[in-house]
Amino acid sequence: MEDRRQNAGHRLLRIETVRGEPYQVGGRRLTPVARIVSWGKAGATVGTHQVAGQGGALVRVTPLAVVEETSTGERLIPVPDATAAVVRKILGAALAILLFLAIVRRLARNPQYRKGNPCH
C-alpha cells in the first residue's frame, strides 16, 4: 500500500536564500550569500512481493552576493551572473531568428509574393 501521508508536510519546490560559512581574509570577514532552488519527488509501494519506487530531484545553487564586514561597517557586494545574462541574450537572438524565418516562410508560401505572378 502506498503511504503519501509520510511526506505530506514536504513541499515539492523549495526556494531559499542562505548565508554560507564566513571567511577571514585580510582583516575582513567575507560571507557568501546564495539562492538555493530545489525540487524533489519520491514514491514507494509497500506490500508482499510489491517492491517499487520512483524518485527525482533537482538542485540549483546561484551565488547572489558577498557580505563584507570590516571595522568600519558592512556592505553587500553583488555577484553578477554573467552566464545567465549571456544565455538570456542567446535565447532572445534564437527567438528573433525563429520569428524572422517563420515570417519568411509564410511569405514564401503566399502566392501573391511569388515570382512571375501575373497579379503584380
N, C-alpha and C. Protein backbone atom coordinates (compact mmCIF):
# COMPACT_ATOMS: atom_id res chain seq x y z
N MET A 1 0.85 -1.18 0.00
CA MET A 1 0.00 0.00 0.00
C MET A 1 0.89 1.24 0.00
N GLU A 2 0.48 2.23 -0.73
CA GLU A 2 1.25 3.46 -0.84
C GLU A 2 0.87 4.41 0.30
N ASP A 3 1.86 4.98 0.95
CA ASP A 3 1.60 5.90 2.05
C ASP A 3 2.11 7.27 1.68
N ARG A 4 1.21 8.17 1.30
CA ARG A 4 1.58 9.53 0.93
C ARG A 4 1.57 10.47 2.13
N ARG A 5 1.02 10.04 3.25
CA ARG A 5 0.93 10.91 4.42
C ARG A 5 2.32 11.19 5.01
N GLN A 6 3.26 10.29 4.81
CA GLN A 6 4.59 10.46 5.39
C GLN A 6 5.27 11.74 4.89
N ASN A 7 5.09 12.07 3.61
CA ASN A 7 5.71 13.25 3.02
C ASN A 7 4.73 14.40 2.86
N ALA A 8 3.62 14.37 3.54
CA ALA A 8 2.59 15.39 3.36
C ALA A 8 3.08 16.78 3.74
N GLY A 9 4.00 16.91 4.71
CA GLY A 9 4.48 18.21 5.13
C GLY A 9 5.59 18.77 4.27
N HIS A 10 6.09 18.00 3.33
CA HIS A 10 7.20 18.44 2.49
C HIS A 10 6.68 19.07 1.21
N ARG A 11 7.32 20.16 0.81
CA ARG A 11 6.95 20.82 -0.43
C ARG A 11 7.79 20.27 -1.56
N LEU A 12 7.22 20.21 -2.76
CA LEU A 12 7.98 19.75 -3.91
C LEU A 12 9.03 20.76 -4.33
N LEU A 13 8.67 22.03 -4.34
CA LEU A 13 9.57 23.10 -4.74
C LEU A 13 9.93 23.94 -3.53
N ARG A 14 11.21 24.19 -3.39
CA ARG A 14 11.68 24.98 -2.25
C ARG A 14 12.69 26.02 -2.74
N ILE A 15 12.48 27.28 -2.38
CA ILE A 15 13.39 28.36 -2.76
C ILE A 15 13.79 29.08 -1.48
N GLU A 16 15.10 29.17 -1.24
CA GLU A 16 15.55 29.86 -0.05
C GLU A 16 16.88 30.57 -0.31
N THR A 17 17.09 31.65 0.40
CA THR A 17 18.33 32.41 0.33
C THR A 17 19.11 32.09 1.60
N VAL A 18 20.37 31.68 1.44
CA VAL A 18 21.16 31.23 2.58
C VAL A 18 22.50 31.96 2.63
N ARG A 19 23.06 32.07 3.82
CA ARG A 19 24.40 32.60 4.01
C ARG A 19 25.33 31.41 4.24
N GLY A 20 26.49 31.47 3.60
CA GLY A 20 27.46 30.40 3.74
C GLY A 20 28.38 30.62 4.92
N GLU A 21 29.42 29.82 4.97
CA GLU A 21 30.40 29.91 6.04
C GLU A 21 31.27 31.15 5.85
N PRO A 22 31.41 31.98 6.88
CA PRO A 22 32.23 33.19 6.73
C PRO A 22 33.72 32.86 6.71
N TYR A 23 34.48 33.67 5.99
CA TYR A 23 35.93 33.52 5.88
C TYR A 23 36.61 34.81 6.32
N GLN A 24 37.70 34.70 7.04
CA GLN A 24 38.51 35.85 7.44
C GLN A 24 39.60 36.04 6.38
N VAL A 25 39.61 37.19 5.71
CA VAL A 25 40.59 37.49 4.67
C VAL A 25 41.09 38.90 4.87
N GLY A 26 42.38 39.05 5.18
CA GLY A 26 42.99 40.37 5.28
C GLY A 26 42.27 41.33 6.21
N GLY A 27 41.86 40.89 7.36
CA GLY A 27 41.18 41.76 8.30
C GLY A 27 39.71 41.99 7.99
N ARG A 28 39.20 41.30 7.00
CA ARG A 28 37.78 41.40 6.64
C ARG A 28 37.12 40.04 6.83
N ARG A 29 35.85 40.10 7.09
CA ARG A 29 35.07 38.87 7.18
C ARG A 29 34.15 38.82 5.97
N LEU A 30 34.31 37.78 5.14
CA LEU A 30 33.52 37.63 3.92
C LEU A 30 32.56 36.46 4.07
N THR A 31 31.28 36.74 3.82
CA THR A 31 30.25 35.71 3.93
C THR A 31 29.49 35.62 2.60
N PRO A 32 29.55 34.44 1.94
CA PRO A 32 28.81 34.31 0.68
C PRO A 32 27.30 34.17 0.93
N VAL A 33 26.53 34.70 -0.02
CA VAL A 33 25.07 34.60 0.03
C VAL A 33 24.63 33.95 -1.28
N ALA A 34 23.77 32.94 -1.19
CA ALA A 34 23.34 32.22 -2.39
C ALA A 34 21.85 31.90 -2.31
N ARG A 35 21.26 31.67 -3.48
CA ARG A 35 19.87 31.22 -3.57
C ARG A 35 19.90 29.74 -3.93
N ILE A 36 19.14 28.96 -3.19
CA ILE A 36 19.04 27.52 -3.46
C ILE A 36 17.61 27.23 -3.90
N VAL A 37 17.49 26.66 -5.09
CA VAL A 37 16.19 26.22 -5.60
C VAL A 37 16.27 24.71 -5.69
N SER A 38 15.37 24.03 -4.99
CA SER A 38 15.39 22.57 -5.01
C SER A 38 13.99 22.04 -5.26
N TRP A 39 13.96 20.92 -5.95
CA TRP A 39 12.71 20.24 -6.26
C TRP A 39 12.95 18.76 -6.04
N GLY A 40 12.03 18.11 -5.42
CA GLY A 40 12.19 16.67 -5.19
C GLY A 40 10.85 15.99 -5.12
N LYS A 41 10.84 14.76 -5.59
CA LYS A 41 9.62 13.95 -5.57
C LYS A 41 10.03 12.51 -5.36
N ALA A 42 9.27 11.80 -4.58
CA ALA A 42 9.57 10.40 -4.32
C ALA A 42 8.27 9.62 -4.22
N GLY A 43 8.37 8.33 -4.35
CA GLY A 43 7.20 7.48 -4.22
C GLY A 43 7.64 6.08 -3.83
N ALA A 44 6.73 5.29 -3.34
CA ALA A 44 7.08 3.92 -2.93
C ALA A 44 5.83 3.06 -2.93
N THR A 45 6.02 1.78 -3.10
CA THR A 45 4.95 0.80 -2.98
C THR A 45 5.41 -0.23 -1.96
N VAL A 46 4.59 -0.48 -0.96
CA VAL A 46 4.97 -1.41 0.10
C VAL A 46 3.95 -2.53 0.13
N GLY A 47 4.40 -3.76 0.23
CA GLY A 47 3.49 -4.89 0.31
C GLY A 47 4.23 -6.17 -0.03
N THR A 48 3.56 -7.27 0.14
CA THR A 48 4.17 -8.56 -0.15
C THR A 48 4.42 -8.68 -1.64
N HIS A 49 5.68 -8.86 -1.99
CA HIS A 49 6.14 -9.01 -3.38
C HIS A 49 5.89 -7.78 -4.25
N GLN A 50 5.60 -6.68 -3.66
CA GLN A 50 5.42 -5.44 -4.42
C GLN A 50 6.52 -4.47 -4.02
N VAL A 51 7.63 -4.59 -4.69
CA VAL A 51 8.75 -3.69 -4.41
C VAL A 51 8.83 -2.73 -5.58
N ALA A 52 8.56 -1.47 -5.34
CA ALA A 52 8.61 -0.46 -6.39
C ALA A 52 9.10 0.84 -5.79
N GLY A 53 9.52 1.71 -6.62
CA GLY A 53 9.96 3.01 -6.14
C GLY A 53 10.23 3.95 -7.30
N GLN A 54 10.17 5.18 -7.01
CA GLN A 54 10.48 6.19 -8.00
C GLN A 54 10.94 7.43 -7.26
N GLY A 55 11.65 8.27 -7.93
CA GLY A 55 12.11 9.48 -7.28
C GLY A 55 12.85 10.38 -8.24
N GLY A 56 13.01 11.58 -7.85
CA GLY A 56 13.75 12.53 -8.68
C GLY A 56 14.00 13.79 -7.88
N ALA A 57 15.07 14.48 -8.23
CA ALA A 57 15.40 15.71 -7.54
C ALA A 57 16.27 16.59 -8.43
N LEU A 58 16.10 17.89 -8.27
CA LEU A 58 16.94 18.89 -8.93
C LEU A 58 17.33 19.93 -7.89
N VAL A 59 18.57 20.37 -7.96
CA VAL A 59 19.04 21.43 -7.06
C VAL A 59 19.86 22.41 -7.88
N ARG A 60 19.61 23.70 -7.66
CA ARG A 60 20.38 24.74 -8.32
C ARG A 60 20.81 25.77 -7.28
N VAL A 61 22.10 26.02 -7.22
CA VAL A 61 22.65 27.00 -6.29
C VAL A 61 23.20 28.16 -7.11
N THR A 62 22.69 29.36 -6.87
CA THR A 62 23.11 30.55 -7.60
C THR A 62 23.73 31.55 -6.63
N PRO A 63 25.01 31.90 -6.83
CA PRO A 63 25.61 32.91 -5.95
C PRO A 63 24.97 34.27 -6.19
N LEU A 64 24.64 34.97 -5.12
CA LEU A 64 23.99 36.27 -5.22
C LEU A 64 24.91 37.42 -4.84
N ALA A 65 25.63 37.25 -3.72
CA ALA A 65 26.44 38.36 -3.21
C ALA A 65 27.45 37.84 -2.19
N VAL A 66 28.31 38.76 -1.77
CA VAL A 66 29.24 38.52 -0.67
C VAL A 66 29.05 39.66 0.32
N VAL A 67 28.87 39.31 1.57
CA VAL A 67 28.75 40.33 2.63
C VAL A 67 30.16 40.56 3.17
N GLU A 68 30.63 41.80 3.08
CA GLU A 68 31.95 42.16 3.57
C GLU A 68 31.79 42.93 4.88
N GLU A 69 32.37 42.39 5.94
CA GLU A 69 32.31 43.05 7.25
C GLU A 69 33.72 43.51 7.61
N THR A 70 33.85 44.82 7.88
CA THR A 70 35.11 45.40 8.32
C THR A 70 34.87 46.17 9.60
N SER A 71 35.91 46.78 10.11
CA SER A 71 35.76 47.56 11.34
C SER A 71 34.90 48.81 11.11
N THR A 72 34.81 49.25 9.85
CA THR A 72 34.01 50.45 9.55
C THR A 72 32.56 50.14 9.25
N GLY A 73 32.22 48.87 9.08
CA GLY A 73 30.83 48.52 8.80
C GLY A 73 30.69 47.32 7.88
N GLU A 74 29.51 47.19 7.34
CA GLU A 74 29.17 46.04 6.50
C GLU A 74 28.65 46.53 5.16
N ARG A 75 29.05 45.84 4.09
CA ARG A 75 28.49 46.19 2.77
C ARG A 75 28.24 44.91 1.98
N LEU A 76 27.26 45.00 1.13
CA LEU A 76 26.85 43.88 0.30
C LEU A 76 27.45 44.07 -1.10
N ILE A 77 28.24 43.11 -1.55
CA ILE A 77 28.87 43.16 -2.87
C ILE A 77 28.14 42.16 -3.76
N PRO A 78 27.35 42.62 -4.73
CA PRO A 78 26.61 41.69 -5.59
C PRO A 78 27.56 40.89 -6.49
N VAL A 79 27.17 39.66 -6.78
CA VAL A 79 27.91 38.80 -7.69
C VAL A 79 27.08 38.70 -8.97
N PRO A 80 27.52 39.35 -10.05
CA PRO A 80 26.73 39.29 -11.29
C PRO A 80 26.80 37.88 -11.89
N ASP A 81 25.69 37.44 -12.42
CA ASP A 81 25.62 36.13 -13.06
C ASP A 81 25.79 36.33 -14.56
N ALA A 82 27.05 36.37 -15.01
CA ALA A 82 27.35 36.64 -16.41
C ALA A 82 26.84 35.53 -17.32
N THR A 83 26.88 34.30 -16.86
CA THR A 83 26.40 33.18 -17.67
C THR A 83 24.91 33.31 -17.96
N ALA A 84 24.12 33.65 -16.94
CA ALA A 84 22.68 33.80 -17.14
C ALA A 84 22.39 34.94 -18.11
N ALA A 85 23.16 36.03 -18.02
CA ALA A 85 22.95 37.16 -18.94
C ALA A 85 23.23 36.74 -20.38
N VAL A 86 24.29 35.98 -20.60
CA VAL A 86 24.63 35.52 -21.95
C VAL A 86 23.57 34.54 -22.45
N VAL A 87 23.12 33.65 -21.60
CA VAL A 87 22.09 32.68 -22.00
C VAL A 87 20.79 33.40 -22.38
N ARG A 88 20.42 34.45 -21.62
CA ARG A 88 19.22 35.23 -21.98
C ARG A 88 19.38 35.90 -23.34
N LYS A 89 20.57 36.42 -23.63
CA LYS A 89 20.81 37.05 -24.93
C LYS A 89 20.75 36.02 -26.05
N ILE A 90 21.31 34.84 -25.83
CA ILE A 90 21.26 33.78 -26.85
C ILE A 90 19.81 33.36 -27.09
N LEU A 91 19.04 33.22 -26.03
CA LEU A 91 17.63 32.85 -26.16
C LEU A 91 16.87 33.92 -26.93
N GLY A 92 17.12 35.19 -26.63
CA GLY A 92 16.46 36.28 -27.34
C GLY A 92 16.81 36.27 -28.83
N ALA A 93 18.09 36.05 -29.14
CA ALA A 93 18.51 36.00 -30.54
C ALA A 93 17.87 34.81 -31.25
N ALA A 94 17.81 33.68 -30.58
CA ALA A 94 17.19 32.49 -31.19
C ALA A 94 15.71 32.72 -31.47
N LEU A 95 15.01 33.37 -30.55
CA LEU A 95 13.59 33.65 -30.76
C LEU A 95 13.39 34.66 -31.90
N ALA A 96 14.28 35.66 -31.99
CA ALA A 96 14.18 36.63 -33.08
C ALA A 96 14.42 35.96 -34.44
N ILE A 97 15.40 35.08 -34.51
CA ILE A 97 15.68 34.36 -35.76
C ILE A 97 14.51 33.45 -36.12
N LEU A 98 13.97 32.78 -35.13
CA LEU A 98 12.81 31.90 -35.36
C LEU A 98 11.63 32.69 -35.90
N LEU A 99 11.35 33.84 -35.33
CA LEU A 99 10.26 34.68 -35.79
C LEU A 99 10.50 35.18 -37.21
N PHE A 100 11.72 35.62 -37.49
CA PHE A 100 12.09 36.08 -38.82
C PHE A 100 11.91 34.97 -39.86
N LEU A 101 12.39 33.77 -39.56
CA LEU A 101 12.26 32.66 -40.51
C LEU A 101 10.80 32.23 -40.69
N ALA A 102 10.00 32.33 -39.64
CA ALA A 102 8.58 32.00 -39.77
C ALA A 102 7.88 32.99 -40.70
N ILE A 103 8.25 34.27 -40.59
CA ILE A 103 7.67 35.28 -41.48
C ILE A 103 8.11 35.05 -42.92
N VAL A 104 9.40 34.77 -43.13
CA VAL A 104 9.91 34.49 -44.48
C VAL A 104 9.21 33.28 -45.08
N ARG A 105 9.04 32.24 -44.29
CA ARG A 105 8.37 31.02 -44.77
C ARG A 105 6.92 31.31 -45.16
N ARG A 106 6.25 32.08 -44.33
CA ARG A 106 4.85 32.41 -44.62
C ARG A 106 4.74 33.22 -45.91
N LEU A 107 5.65 34.19 -46.09
CA LEU A 107 5.63 35.00 -47.31
C LEU A 107 5.97 34.15 -48.53
N ALA A 108 6.89 33.20 -48.38
CA ALA A 108 7.28 32.34 -49.50
C ALA A 108 6.13 31.43 -49.93
N ARG A 109 5.28 31.05 -49.02
CA ARG A 109 4.15 30.18 -49.34
C ARG A 109 2.95 30.96 -49.90
N ASN A 110 2.94 32.26 -49.70
CA ASN A 110 1.84 33.08 -50.16
C ASN A 110 1.99 33.31 -51.67
N PRO A 111 1.02 32.89 -52.50
CA PRO A 111 1.15 33.02 -53.95
C PRO A 111 1.25 34.48 -54.41
N GLN A 112 0.77 35.40 -53.65
CA GLN A 112 0.80 36.80 -54.04
C GLN A 112 2.24 37.33 -54.13
N TYR A 113 3.17 36.76 -53.34
CA TYR A 113 4.54 37.25 -53.29
C TYR A 113 5.51 36.41 -54.13
N ARG A 114 5.04 35.38 -54.83
CA ARG A 114 5.92 34.55 -55.66
C ARG A 114 6.29 35.25 -56.94
N LYS A 115 7.46 34.90 -57.48
CA LYS A 115 7.92 35.49 -58.76
C LYS A 115 7.03 35.04 -59.90
N GLY A 116 6.88 35.89 -60.85
CA GLY A 116 6.13 35.53 -62.04
C GLY A 116 4.64 35.55 -61.85
N ASN A 117 4.16 36.07 -60.77
CA ASN A 117 2.73 36.14 -60.52
C ASN A 117 2.13 37.26 -61.39
N PRO A 118 1.16 36.93 -62.24
CA PRO A 118 0.58 37.94 -63.11
C PRO A 118 -0.25 38.98 -62.37
N CYS A 119 -0.52 38.78 -61.07
CA CYS A 119 -1.31 39.73 -60.33
C CYS A 119 -0.55 41.01 -60.02
N HIS A 120 0.77 41.03 -60.14
CA HIS A 120 1.56 42.22 -59.80
C HIS A 120 1.57 43.21 -60.92
